[in-house]
């Protein structure tokens, strides 16, 4: 046997072995393999997509205007602090629209000082107009656009981090349109919990209760769920401007249903926010055997928390997440070290989800679901069965046709076809690719292209045989003359598949992945695999006629 032939057999053998090793985790036999195999060799196979194993398809819309409002709120608070620090006489600094600020003053001599401070500190604010003793500033259009785009990008990363910690295998998360995010979660068994986790804004704030106000003494100890709006209307106009009425949900330990709501009069100004967190994890309270969330602040947060607790001993500090009170403990003493606890009669899942959203960070703006499609596992099972049947029928039809029409050469093409399928599945497993129903269609199309390549070569070989050439010369000439035709057709198909992958989404990408891998592998099996078998056969046996 020639040296070149040995190397080609070694290459084919190595690719087959590697493909089997990578594909094994996708088979039912993987669990029976020894421990050392699972630890040291590939242990991730092909993941089934949303359409094959069921799951969720969500389209979320980010309220980007709210992100602009939040930025304006931060600027308002910062300007107040700067004006107070410089002891500049002003009446008020407040938001007048979702993207504009009003600065009022009484002393006429400070107008230029205020204007210079704003221009120097916030160049992205445009001087809009002036009234007696009042300035109006508006956020520039360019800055507003940047905040909106940034809020969608940040929301995308925050949602991705939450889902990664939630433990969903092979999620699909990408941006769509200007302010939409598409989320696909294959295999999710608790859709309601997943939606709550993804959509929670997770703005954590520490606020003092206003217990000295007369309104606080008139609030009921608890109310039935659903009567929050009624109570809020009852006290409408009586609550001070700097306060707000918030509620804590009390849940039944067994059913986890909300059985009552506790109203609190809370000061609007947040003493501390979740932006300064470094970690959040679930622990178990040894006294009550209930889970709680332990949080840690960074250096700045630790100093601020130490100062807040030191100055407000014997007062109640509400822990507020998305305007819902989780607990409002009494500060017994100064708390140093930058650690705190969030208790709230949690179940273990609720505590875990709270820790996840706190670690992943708050969403920069609220998101709401504009499309929610749940694919059941039964539909996925039917899709798998349909895909299997279509793949088997297509393969059998091709095998029978090739043997009937090309005889022994057709059998060689069928061997290459099996090699193509083995290598394709192995390549997908090595990339941890997600197999979708369109992906199965891509595999079937790749099978057709594999046979098409052999048909081109066989027809060339037939022409050479009719011209009176020997079998060996016919084989060599057939491969040589068909090479560029096969190569060109595969390269153009590959370019199309790459474009589909780059600009397509979801199922289209699944189709593009299998098609591109199938085309690439087909070049190898058609031009090297079958040629190697022909060369081996012609070198070992003296063949006078070629069965084609």
Protein backbone atom coordinates (compact mmCIF):
# COMPACT_ATOMS: atom_id res chain seq x y z
CA UNK A 1 0.00 0.00 0.00
CA UNK A 2 1.34 3.42 -0.94
CA UNK A 3 2.43 5.77 1.83
CA UNK A 4 -0.01 8.49 0.73
CA UNK A 5 -2.87 6.00 0.92
CA UNK A 6 -1.90 5.03 4.46
CA UNK A 7 -1.94 8.67 5.54
CA UNK A 8 -5.38 9.20 4.04
CA UNK A 9 -6.76 6.13 5.84
CA UNK A 10 -5.19 7.36 9.08
CA UNK A 11 -6.81 10.79 8.62
CA UNK A 12 -10.25 9.28 7.91
CA UNK A 13 -9.92 6.88 10.87
CA UNK A 14 -8.89 9.71 13.23
CA UNK A 15 -11.83 11.91 12.20
CA UNK A 16 -14.27 9.01 12.72
CA UNK A 17 -12.89 8.28 16.21
CA UNK A 18 -13.00 11.96 17.21
CA UNK A 19 -16.55 12.31 15.90
CA UNK A 20 -17.71 9.29 17.94
CA UNK A 21 -15.97 10.61 21.09
CA UNK A 22 -17.64 14.02 20.75
CA UNK A 23 -21.05 12.57 19.85
CA UNK A 24 -21.20 10.01 22.70
CA UNK A 25 -22.56 12.53 25.29
CA UNK A 26 -25.62 12.94 23.02
CA UNK A 27 -26.44 9.22 23.22
CA UNK A 28 -28.31 7.22 25.91
CA UNK A 29 -25.13 5.17 26.53
CA UNK A 30 -23.18 8.12 27.93
CA UNK A 31 -24.43 7.58 31.49
CA UNK A 32 -23.03 4.03 31.52
CA UNK A 33 -19.50 5.19 30.63
CA UNK A 34 -16.82 5.14 33.38
CA UNK A 35 -16.24 8.19 35.58
CA UNK A 36 -12.78 8.95 34.18
CA UNK A 37 -14.27 9.23 30.68
CA UNK A 38 -16.84 11.80 31.77
CA UNK A 39 -14.23 13.83 33.66
CA UNK A 40 -11.45 13.91 31.06
CA UNK A 41 -13.17 13.58 27.70
CA UNK A 42 -15.91 15.71 26.08
CA UNK A 43 -19.10 15.56 28.17
CA UNK A 44 -21.32 17.98 26.25
CA UNK A 45 -23.12 16.81 23.17
CA UNK A 46 -25.71 18.23 20.83
CA UNK A 47 -28.37 20.30 22.57
CA UNK A 48 -31.94 20.12 21.31
CA UNK A 49 -33.46 23.43 20.34
CA UNK A 50 -36.70 25.02 21.49
CA UNK A 51 -38.76 23.35 18.76
CA UNK A 52 -37.48 19.87 19.67
CA UNK A 53 -37.53 19.75 23.47
CA UNK A 54 -40.08 22.47 24.26
CA UNK A 55 -39.53 25.67 26.20
CA UNK A 56 -40.25 29.37 25.98
CA UNK A 57 -39.99 32.02 23.28
CA UNK A 58 -40.23 35.56 24.63
CA UNK A 59 -40.00 38.96 22.99
CA UNK A 60 -39.31 41.69 25.55
CA UNK A 61 -39.63 45.43 25.01
CA UNK A 62 -37.33 47.73 26.97
CA UNK A 63 -38.98 50.97 28.12
CA UNK A 64 -36.05 53.14 27.03
CA UNK A 65 -37.82 56.39 28.00
CA UNK A 66 -37.69 55.20 31.61
CA UNK A 67 -33.90 54.88 31.30
CA UNK A 68 -33.76 58.52 30.19
CA UNK A 69 -35.98 59.48 33.16
CA UNK A 70 -33.66 57.61 35.55
CA UNK A 71 -30.67 59.51 34.16
CA UNK A 72 -32.51 62.81 34.64
CA UNK A 73 -33.33 61.81 38.26
CA UNK A 74 -29.64 61.15 38.94
CA UNK A 75 -28.69 64.52 37.43
CA UNK A 76 -31.35 66.28 39.57
CA UNK A 77 -30.02 64.72 42.78
CA UNK A 78 -26.41 65.46 41.83
CA UNK A 79 -27.17 69.11 40.96
CA UNK A 80 -28.91 69.59 44.30
CA UNK A 81 -25.85 68.24 46.12
CA UNK A 82 -23.44 70.42 44.09
CA UNK A 83 -25.49 73.57 44.63
CA UNK A 84 -25.68 72.88 48.38
CA UNK A 85 -21.94 72.14 48.59
CA UNK A 86 -21.10 75.45 46.86
CA UNK A 87 -23.71 77.22 49.04
CA UNK A 88 -25.47 78.65 46.02
CA UNK A 89 -28.90 79.99 46.87
CA UNK A 90 -31.58 78.07 44.91
CA UNK A 91 -35.27 77.34 45.42
CA UNK A 92 -35.66 73.94 43.72
CA UNK A 93 -34.19 71.51 41.20
CA UNK A 94 -36.74 69.14 39.72
CA UNK A 95 -37.64 67.08 36.68
CA UNK A 96 -40.21 68.82 34.46
CA UNK A 97 -40.46 66.20 31.72
CA UNK A 98 -39.00 62.80 31.05
CA UNK A 99 -35.86 64.52 29.63
CA UNK A 100 -35.82 68.05 31.06
CA UNK A 101 -34.87 69.80 34.30
CA UNK A 102 -36.08 72.99 35.96
CA UNK A 103 -33.78 75.02 38.26
CA UNK A 104 -35.50 77.75 40.27
CA UNK A 105 -33.78 80.49 42.32
CA UNK A 106 -34.67 83.74 44.10
CA UNK A 107 -31.45 85.74 44.24
CA UNK A 108 -30.88 87.25 40.80
CA UNK A 109 -27.11 87.46 41.28
CA UNK A 110 -26.69 83.66 41.27
CA UNK A 111 -28.16 83.02 37.81
CA UNK A 112 -24.82 83.14 35.98
CA UNK A 113 -23.15 81.01 38.66
CA UNK A 114 -25.86 78.33 38.32
CA UNK A 115 -25.69 78.45 34.52
CA UNK A 116 -21.89 78.05 34.54
CA UNK A 117 -22.09 75.13 37.00
CA UNK A 118 -24.60 73.27 34.82
CA UNK A 119 -22.68 73.96 31.58
CA UNK A 120 -19.37 72.80 33.08
CA UNK A 121 -20.74 69.72 34.86
CA UNK A 122 -23.26 68.47 32.30
CA UNK A 123 -22.32 69.40 28.72
CA UNK A 124 -25.03 66.99 27.52
CA UNK A 125 -27.72 69.30 28.89
CA UNK A 126 -28.89 71.99 26.48
CA UNK A 127 -30.11 75.39 27.71
CA UNK A 128 -33.72 75.42 26.54
CA UNK A 129 -35.37 78.54 27.88
CA UNK A 130 -35.45 80.95 30.80
CA UNK A 131 -38.29 82.33 32.86
CA UNK A 132 -38.14 84.81 35.73
CA UNK A 133 -35.92 83.15 38.37
CA UNK A 134 -35.94 79.81 36.53
CA UNK A 135 -33.82 77.87 34.01
CA UNK A 136 -35.04 74.96 31.83
CA UNK A 137 -32.48 72.45 30.56
CA UNK A 138 -33.12 69.52 28.19
CA UNK A 139 -31.03 66.45 27.46
CA UNK A 140 -29.47 66.62 23.99
CA UNK A 141 -30.93 64.31 21.33
CA UNK A 142 -27.56 62.60 20.88
CA UNK A 143 -27.25 61.84 24.60
CA UNK A 144 -30.86 60.64 24.76
CA UNK A 145 -30.19 58.23 21.90
CA UNK A 146 -27.01 56.98 23.60
CA UNK A 147 -28.87 56.32 26.86
CA UNK A 148 -31.63 54.44 25.03
CA UNK A 149 -29.20 52.23 23.10
CA UNK A 150 -27.09 51.66 26.19
CA UNK A 151 -30.16 50.67 28.22
CA UNK A 152 -31.10 47.95 25.70
CA UNK A 153 -27.52 46.63 25.58
CA UNK A 154 -27.30 46.65 29.38
CA UNK A 155 -30.69 44.95 29.70
CA UNK A 156 -29.50 42.28 27.25
CA UNK A 157 -26.40 41.52 29.32
CA UNK A 158 -28.31 41.61 32.62
CA UNK A 159 -30.93 39.16 31.31
CA UNK A 160 -28.15 36.94 29.91
CA UNK A 161 -26.41 36.88 33.32
CA UNK A 162 -29.65 36.03 35.12
CA UNK A 163 -30.46 33.19 32.72
CA UNK A 164 -26.91 31.80 32.95
CA UNK A 165 -27.22 31.64 36.74
CA UNK A 166 -30.74 30.22 36.46
CA UNK A 167 -29.16 27.25 34.67
CA UNK A 168 -30.88 27.10 31.26
CA UNK A 169 -28.82 25.11 28.74
CA UNK A 170 -28.10 26.80 25.40
CA UNK A 171 -30.40 29.83 25.71
CA UNK A 172 -30.77 32.13 22.70
CA UNK A 173 -30.71 35.82 23.61
CA UNK A 174 -30.31 38.57 21.05
CA UNK A 175 -31.44 42.09 20.22
CA UNK A 176 -34.22 42.74 17.72
CA UNK A 177 -35.45 46.05 16.32
CA UNK A 178 -34.55 49.18 18.26
CA UNK A 179 -35.67 48.26 21.77
CA UNK A 180 -36.67 44.58 21.69
CA UNK A 181 -34.90 41.51 23.07
CA UNK A 182 -35.66 37.95 21.94
CA UNK A 183 -35.19 35.21 24.56
CA UNK A 184 -35.52 31.49 23.80
CA UNK A 185 -35.25 29.07 26.73
CA UNK A 186 -35.25 25.39 25.69
CA UNK A 187 -36.37 22.85 28.28
CA UNK A 188 -37.69 25.31 30.88
CA UNK A 189 -40.03 23.46 33.24
CA UNK A 190 -41.28 26.45 35.24
CA UNK A 191 -42.20 29.21 32.76
CA UNK A 192 -43.80 31.47 35.40
CA UNK A 193 -40.67 31.51 37.55
CA UNK A 194 -38.46 32.16 34.50
CA UNK A 195 -40.62 35.13 33.42
CA UNK A 196 -40.53 36.66 36.91
CA UNK A 197 -36.75 36.26 37.04
CA UNK A 198 -36.17 37.81 33.61
CA UNK A 199 -38.59 40.71 33.91
CA UNK A 200 -37.82 41.83 37.45
CA UNK A 201 -36.24 45.30 37.41
CA UNK A 202 -34.40 44.46 40.66
CA UNK A 203 -33.81 47.99 41.88
CA UNK A 204 -32.74 47.48 45.48
CA UNK A 205 -33.07 50.44 47.84
CA UNK A 206 -32.70 50.99 51.57
CA UNK A 207 -35.19 53.59 52.82
CA UNK A 208 -36.11 54.86 56.28
CA UNK A 209 -39.71 54.59 57.50
CA UNK A 210 -41.43 57.87 58.42
CA UNK A 211 -42.89 56.63 61.71
CA UNK A 212 -43.08 60.09 63.27
CA UNK A 213 -45.70 61.27 60.81
CA UNK A 214 -49.33 61.10 61.96
CA UNK A 215 -50.30 59.19 58.78
CA UNK A 216 -48.06 56.28 59.84
CA UNK A 217 -50.06 55.83 63.07
CA UNK A 218 -53.35 55.74 61.16
CA UNK A 219 -52.31 52.98 58.75
CA UNK A 220 -53.90 49.54 59.38
CA UNK A 221 -51.59 46.75 60.52
CA UNK A 222 -52.50 44.74 57.42
CA UNK A 223 -54.97 44.64 54.54
CA UNK A 224 -56.27 41.87 52.24
CA UNK A 225 -54.37 41.50 48.95
CA UNK A 226 -55.84 43.58 46.14
CA UNK A 227 -56.88 46.53 48.34
CA UNK A 228 -53.61 48.46 48.00
CA UNK A 229 -55.08 50.91 45.50
CA UNK A 230 -58.10 51.53 47.71
CA UNK A 231 -55.90 52.37 50.70
CA UNK A 232 -53.65 54.59 48.58
CA UNK A 233 -56.70 56.56 47.35
CA UNK A 234 -57.94 56.89 50.94
CA UNK A 235 -54.74 58.64 51.98
CA UNK A 236 -54.30 60.52 48.69
CA UNK A 237 -53.36 64.16 49.31
CA UNK A 238 -52.49 63.46 52.96
CA UNK A 239 -49.13 61.76 52.40
CA UNK A 240 -46.21 64.27 52.50
CA UNK A 241 -44.34 64.95 49.23
CA UNK A 242 -41.21 63.27 50.52
CA UNK A 243 -43.00 60.05 51.50
CA UNK A 244 -44.65 57.14 49.70
CA UNK A 245 -47.00 54.32 50.67
CA UNK A 246 -45.39 50.92 50.01
CA UNK A 247 -46.47 47.38 50.94
CA UNK A 248 -44.92 44.15 52.17
CA UNK A 249 -46.49 40.88 51.02
CA UNK A 250 -47.18 38.21 53.64
CA UNK A 251 -47.27 34.70 52.14
CA UNK A 252 -48.59 31.38 53.39
CA UNK A 253 -45.63 29.10 54.15
CA UNK A 254 -47.21 26.08 52.49
CA UNK A 255 -49.01 27.45 49.42
CA UNK A 256 -46.77 30.55 48.91
CA UNK A 257 -49.91 32.57 48.14
CA UNK A 258 -50.14 36.18 49.35
CA UNK A 259 -52.55 36.24 52.29
CA UNK A 260 -52.17 39.90 53.34
CA UNK A 261 -50.29 43.13 52.71
CA UNK A 262 -48.60 45.30 55.35
CA UNK A 263 -48.60 49.06 54.53
CA UNK A 264 -45.60 51.27 55.38
CA UNK A 265 -45.06 55.02 55.12
CA UNK A 266 -41.60 55.15 53.56
CA UNK A 267 -39.37 58.14 52.82
CA UNK A 268 -38.86 58.46 49.07
CA UNK A 269 -35.17 59.28 49.30
CA UNK A 270 -33.07 56.12 49.15
CA UNK A 271 -30.31 56.03 51.73
CA UNK A 272 -28.46 53.30 49.82
CA UNK A 273 -28.99 51.40 46.54
CA UNK A 274 -28.07 48.00 45.15
CA UNK A 275 -25.53 49.55 42.77
CA UNK A 276 -22.97 49.24 45.58
CA UNK A 277 -23.43 45.47 46.05
CA UNK A 278 -20.58 43.03 45.41
CA UNK A 279 -22.29 39.73 46.26
CA UNK A 280 -25.60 38.16 47.23
CA UNK A 281 -26.05 34.56 48.38
CA UNK A 282 -28.62 32.37 50.09
CA UNK A 283 -28.14 31.22 53.69
CA UNK A 284 -30.37 29.41 56.20
CA UNK A 285 -31.44 31.04 59.45
CA UNK A 286 -30.62 28.44 62.12
CA UNK A 287 -33.27 29.80 64.51
CA UNK A 288 -36.28 29.53 62.20
CA UNK A 289 -34.83 27.21 59.53
CA UNK A 290 -35.80 29.75 56.84
CA UNK A 291 -33.70 30.98 53.91
CA UNK A 292 -32.51 34.57 53.73
CA UNK A 293 -30.28 36.51 51.34
CA UNK A 294 -26.94 37.68 52.65
CA UNK A 295 -25.54 40.72 50.80
CA UNK A 296 -22.11 42.37 50.77
CA UNK A 297 -21.29 45.97 49.84
CA UNK A 298 -18.17 47.37 48.21
CA UNK A 299 -15.93 49.78 50.15
CA UNK A 300 -18.09 52.82 49.37
CA UNK A 301 -21.28 50.95 50.21
CA UNK A 302 -19.83 49.58 53.46
CA UNK A 303 -18.88 53.08 54.66
CA UNK A 304 -22.28 54.46 53.71
CA UNK A 305 -24.15 51.56 55.39
CA UNK A 306 -22.04 52.05 58.53
CA UNK A 307 -22.93 55.77 58.57
CA UNK A 308 -26.66 55.17 57.92
CA UNK A 309 -27.06 52.55 60.65
CA UNK A 310 -24.96 54.57 63.09
CA UNK A 311 -27.10 57.70 62.69
CA UNK A 312 -30.47 55.88 62.77
CA UNK A 313 -30.29 53.46 65.70
CA UNK A 314 -33.77 52.42 66.96
CA UNK A 315 -35.31 53.46 63.63
CA UNK A 316 -36.72 51.08 61.02
CA UNK A 317 -34.93 50.68 57.70
CA UNK A 318 -37.05 49.26 54.87
CA UNK A 319 -35.40 46.98 52.31
CA UNK A 320 -37.24 47.79 49.07
CA UNK A 321 -36.98 45.89 45.78
CA UNK A 322 -38.92 47.30 42.81
CA UNK A 323 -41.12 49.38 45.16
CA UNK A 324 -42.06 46.31 47.22
CA UNK A 325 -40.97 46.12 50.86
CA UNK A 326 -39.25 42.83 51.69
CA UNK A 327 -38.58 43.59 55.33
CA UNK A 328 -38.36 46.62 57.61
CA UNK A 329 -36.19 45.69 60.60
CA UNK A 330 -35.32 48.01 63.50
CA UNK A 331 -31.67 49.12 63.47
CA UNK A 332 -30.45 47.85 66.84
CA UNK A 333 -26.87 49.13 66.52
CA UNK A 334 -24.29 50.45 64.06
CA UNK A 335 -23.54 47.78 61.43
CA UNK A 336 -19.95 47.79 60.21
CA UNK A 337 -18.18 45.45 57.80
CA UNK A 338 -20.41 45.99 54.80
CA UNK A 339 -22.69 42.96 55.28
CA UNK A 340 -26.46 42.83 55.66
CA UNK A 341 -29.38 40.39 55.44
CA UNK A 342 -32.63 40.46 53.49
CA UNK A 343 -35.35 38.45 55.19
CA UNK A 344 -38.87 38.15 53.90
CA UNK A 345 -40.47 34.78 54.59
CA UNK A 346 -38.89 33.37 51.41
CA UNK A 347 -39.17 29.92 49.94
CA UNK A 348 -35.81 28.49 48.81
CA UNK A 349 -36.59 29.21 45.12
CA UNK A 350 -37.61 32.80 45.91
CA UNK A 351 -34.42 33.37 47.89
CA UNK A 352 -32.29 31.90 45.08
CA UNK A 353 -34.00 34.03 42.43
CA UNK A 354 -33.59 37.18 44.54
CA UNK A 355 -29.87 36.42 44.97
CA UNK A 356 -29.54 35.87 41.22
CA UNK A 357 -31.10 39.21 40.23
CA UNK A 358 -29.07 41.09 42.85
CA UNK A 359 -25.81 39.51 41.66
CA UNK A 360 -26.64 40.06 37.98
CA UNK A 361 -27.58 43.69 38.64
CA UNK A 362 -30.68 45.75 38.12
CA UNK A 363 -32.22 46.30 34.73
CA UNK A 364 -31.55 49.89 33.56
CA UNK A 365 -35.21 50.23 32.56
CA UNK A 366 -38.39 48.18 32.99
CA UNK A 367 -39.11 45.50 30.40
CA UNK A 368 -42.47 44.04 29.49
CA UNK A 369 -43.37 40.97 27.47
CA UNK A 370 -44.98 41.65 24.09
CA UNK A 371 -44.93 38.01 22.95
CA UNK A 372 -44.87 34.82 24.99
CA UNK A 373 -45.02 31.46 23.21
CA UNK A 374 -44.62 28.25 25.18
CA UNK A 375 -43.72 25.10 23.23
CA UNK A 376 -44.76 21.92 25.02
CA UNK A 377 -42.41 18.92 25.24
CA UNK A 378 -45.01 16.76 23.45
CA UNK A 379 -44.82 19.00 20.37
CA UNK A 380 -41.02 18.79 20.56
CA UNK A 381 -41.22 14.98 20.76
CA UNK A 382 -43.48 14.86 17.69
CA UNK A 383 -41.02 17.12 15.84
CA UNK A 384 -38.11 14.81 16.72
CA UNK A 385 -40.01 11.76 15.51
CA UNK A 386 -41.01 13.53 12.28
CA UNK A 387 -37.41 14.60 11.76
CA UNK A 388 -36.11 11.07 12.37
CA UNK A 389 -38.60 9.52 9.98
CA UNK A 390 -37.88 12.05 7.21
CA UNK A 391 -34.12 11.61 7.69
CA UNK A 392 -34.34 7.79 7.60
CA UNK A 393 -36.61 7.77 4.52
CA UNK A 394 -34.33 10.22 2.69
CA UNK A 395 -31.21 8.19 3.54
CA UNK A 396 -32.73 4.84 2.52
CA UNK A 397 -34.05 6.29 -0.75
CA UNK A 398 -30.62 7.69 -1.61
CA UNK A 399 -28.82 4.43 -0.70
CA UNK A 400 -31.16 2.28 -2.82
CA UNK A 401 -31.00 4.63 -5.79
CA UNK A 402 -27.18 4.83 -5.75
CA UNK A 403 -26.73 1.05 -5.60
CA UNK A 404 -29.38 0.48 -8.29
CA UNK A 405 -27.99 3.11 -10.68
CA UNK A 406 -24.21 2.98 -10.02
CA UNK A 407 -23.82 -0.57 -8.65
CA UNK A 408 -20.50 -1.08 -6.76
CA UNK A 409 -19.52 2.56 -7.21
CA UNK A 410 -22.89 3.52 -5.76
CA UNK A 411 -22.13 1.39 -2.69
CA UNK A 412 -18.85 3.30 -2.27
CA UNK A 413 -20.82 6.57 -2.44
CA UNK A 414 -23.17 5.21 0.26
CA UNK A 415 -20.18 4.47 2.51
CA UNK A 416 -19.09 8.07 2.03
CA UNK A 417 -22.63 9.14 2.88
CA UNK A 418 -22.51 7.33 6.24
CA UNK A 419 -19.09 8.87 6.86
CA UNK A 420 -20.58 12.28 6.10
CA UNK A 421 -23.37 11.82 8.66
CA UNK A 422 -20.98 10.54 11.36
CA UNK A 423 -18.58 13.47 10.88
CA UNK A 424 -21.43 16.00 10.74
CA UNK A 425 -22.93 14.82 14.04
CA UNK A 426 -19.48 14.74 15.61
CA UNK A 427 -18.70 18.28 14.43
CA UNK A 428 -22.00 19.59 15.81
CA UNK A 429 -21.35 17.89 19.14
CA UNK A 430 -17.80 19.31 19.32
CA UNK A 431 -19.24 22.83 18.88
CA UNK A 432 -22.05 22.11 21.40
CA UNK A 433 -24.40 23.21 18.62
CA UNK A 434 -28.15 23.37 19.13
CA UNK A 435 -30.14 21.05 16.86
CA UNK A 436 -33.43 22.51 15.64
CA UNK A 437 -36.06 21.24 13.21
CA UNK A 438 -34.66 23.47 10.43
CA UNK A 439 -31.26 22.06 11.42
CA UNK A 440 -32.52 18.56 10.63
CA UNK A 441 -33.64 19.93 7.25
CA UNK A 442 -30.08 21.21 6.79
CA UNK A 443 -28.71 17.70 7.50
CA UNK A 444 -31.07 16.16 4.94
CA UNK A 445 -30.03 18.78 2.37
CA UNK A 446 -26.36 18.00 3.13
CA UNK A 447 -27.10 14.30 2.45
CA UNK A 448 -28.50 15.26 -0.94
CA UNK A 449 -25.44 17.37 -1.74
CA UNK A 450 -23.11 14.54 -0.70
CA UNK A 451 -24.71 12.26 -3.26
CA UNK A 452 -24.77 15.01 -5.88
CA UNK A 453 -20.99 15.36 -5.66
CA UNK A 454 -20.51 11.64 -6.30
CA UNK A 455 -22.97 11.73 -9.22
CA UNK A 456 -20.87 14.44 -10.90
CA UNK A 457 -17.69 12.38 -10.49
CA UNK A 458 -19.29 9.09 -11.55
CA UNK A 459 -20.68 10.62 -14.75
CA UNK A 460 -17.21 11.95 -15.58
CA UNK A 461 -15.75 8.49 -14.93
CA UNK A 462 -18.38 6.93 -17.23
CA UNK A 463 -17.36 9.31 -20.02
CA UNK A 464 -13.72 8.33 -19.59
CA UNK A 465 -14.59 4.62 -19.65
CA UNK A 466 -16.60 5.09 -22.86
CA UNK A 467 -13.55 6.81 -24.35
CA UNK A 468 -11.61 3.55 -23.81
CA UNK A 469 -9.51 4.49 -20.79
CA UNK A 470 -8.56 1.97 -18.07
CA UNK A 471 -10.49 1.93 -14.77
CA UNK A 472 -7.60 3.61 -12.89
CA UNK A 473 -7.20 6.32 -15.52
CA UNK A 474 -10.97 6.84 -15.62
CA UNK A 475 -11.15 7.27 -11.83
CA UNK A 476 -8.22 9.72 -11.71
CA UNK A 477 -9.52 11.71 -14.68
CA UNK A 478 -13.09 11.75 -13.34
CA UNK A 479 -12.04 13.19 -9.97
CA UNK A 480 -9.69 15.67 -11.62
CA UNK A 481 -12.26 17.02 -14.09
CA UNK A 482 -15.13 17.18 -11.57
CA UNK A 483 -13.03 18.80 -8.80
CA UNK A 484 -13.58 22.47 -9.65
CA UNK A 485 -17.27 22.02 -10.42
CA UNK A 486 -17.80 20.40 -7.02
CA UNK A 487 -15.57 22.92 -5.25
CA UNK A 488 -17.30 25.95 -6.78
CA UNK A 489 -20.81 24.71 -6.02
CA UNK A 490 -19.89 23.95 -2.39
CA UNK A 491 -18.13 27.28 -1.83
CA UNK A 492 -21.12 29.27 -3.12
CA UNK A 493 -23.46 27.24 -0.87
CA UNK A 494 -21.11 27.81 2.07
CA UNK A 495 -21.14 31.57 1.47
CA UNK A 496 -24.95 31.51 1.50
CA UNK A 497 -24.93 29.52 4.77
CA UNK A 498 -22.51 32.01 6.37
CA UNK A 499 -24.75 34.94 5.38
CA UNK A 500 -27.78 33.14 6.84
CA UNK A 501 -25.89 32.53 10.08
CA UNK A 502 -24.67 36.11 10.32
CA UNK A 503 -27.97 37.84 9.70
CA UNK A 504 -30.52 35.14 10.54
CA UNK A 505 -32.06 34.44 13.94
CA UNK A 506 -33.22 31.35 15.81
CA UNK A 507 -34.26 28.52 13.45
CA UNK A 508 -32.53 30.15 10.46
CA UNK A 509 -29.22 29.98 12.32
CA UNK A 510 -29.84 26.31 13.13
CA UNK A 511 -30.32 25.59 9.44
CA UNK A 512 -27.20 27.61 8.54
CA UNK A 513 -25.01 25.75 11.07
CA UNK A 514 -25.88 22.25 9.83
CA UNK A 515 -25.74 23.32 6.18
CA UNK A 516 -22.30 24.95 6.49
CA UNK A 517 -20.87 22.00 8.42
CA UNK A 518 -22.45 19.54 5.98
CA UNK A 519 -21.00 21.36 2.94
CA UNK A 520 -17.50 21.50 4.46
CA UNK A 521 -17.53 17.84 5.50
CA UNK A 522 -18.97 16.80 2.14
CA UNK A 523 -15.92 18.21 0.35
CA UNK A 524 -13.76 15.99 2.55
CA UNK A 525 -15.80 12.80 2.14
CA UNK A 526 -16.44 13.23 -1.59
CA UNK A 527 -12.95 14.26 -2.69
CA UNK A 528 -10.86 12.29 -0.17
CA UNK A 529 -13.12 9.58 1.30
CA UNK A 530 -14.43 7.90 -1.88
CA UNK A 531 -11.16 8.51 -3.76
CA UNK A 532 -9.28 6.64 -1.02
CA UNK A 533 -11.63 3.64 -1.33
CA UNK A 534 -11.25 3.60 -5.14
CA UNK A 535 -7.44 3.87 -4.85
CA UNK A 536 -7.32 1.01 -2.33
CA UNK A 537 -9.54 -1.18 -4.48
CA UNK A 538 -7.56 -0.47 -7.67
CA UNK A 539 -4.18 -0.98 -5.97
CA UNK A 540 -5.08 -4.37 -4.42
CA UNK A 541 -7.06 -5.95 -7.28
CA UNK A 542 -6.50 -5.89 -11.03
CA UNK A 543 -9.84 -4.63 -12.29
CA UNK A 544 -10.54 -4.74 -16.01
CA UNK A 545 -13.98 -3.12 -15.85
CA UNK A 546 -15.38 -0.69 -13.30
CA UNK A 547 -18.81 -1.47 -11.85
CA UNK A 548 -20.45 1.88 -12.49
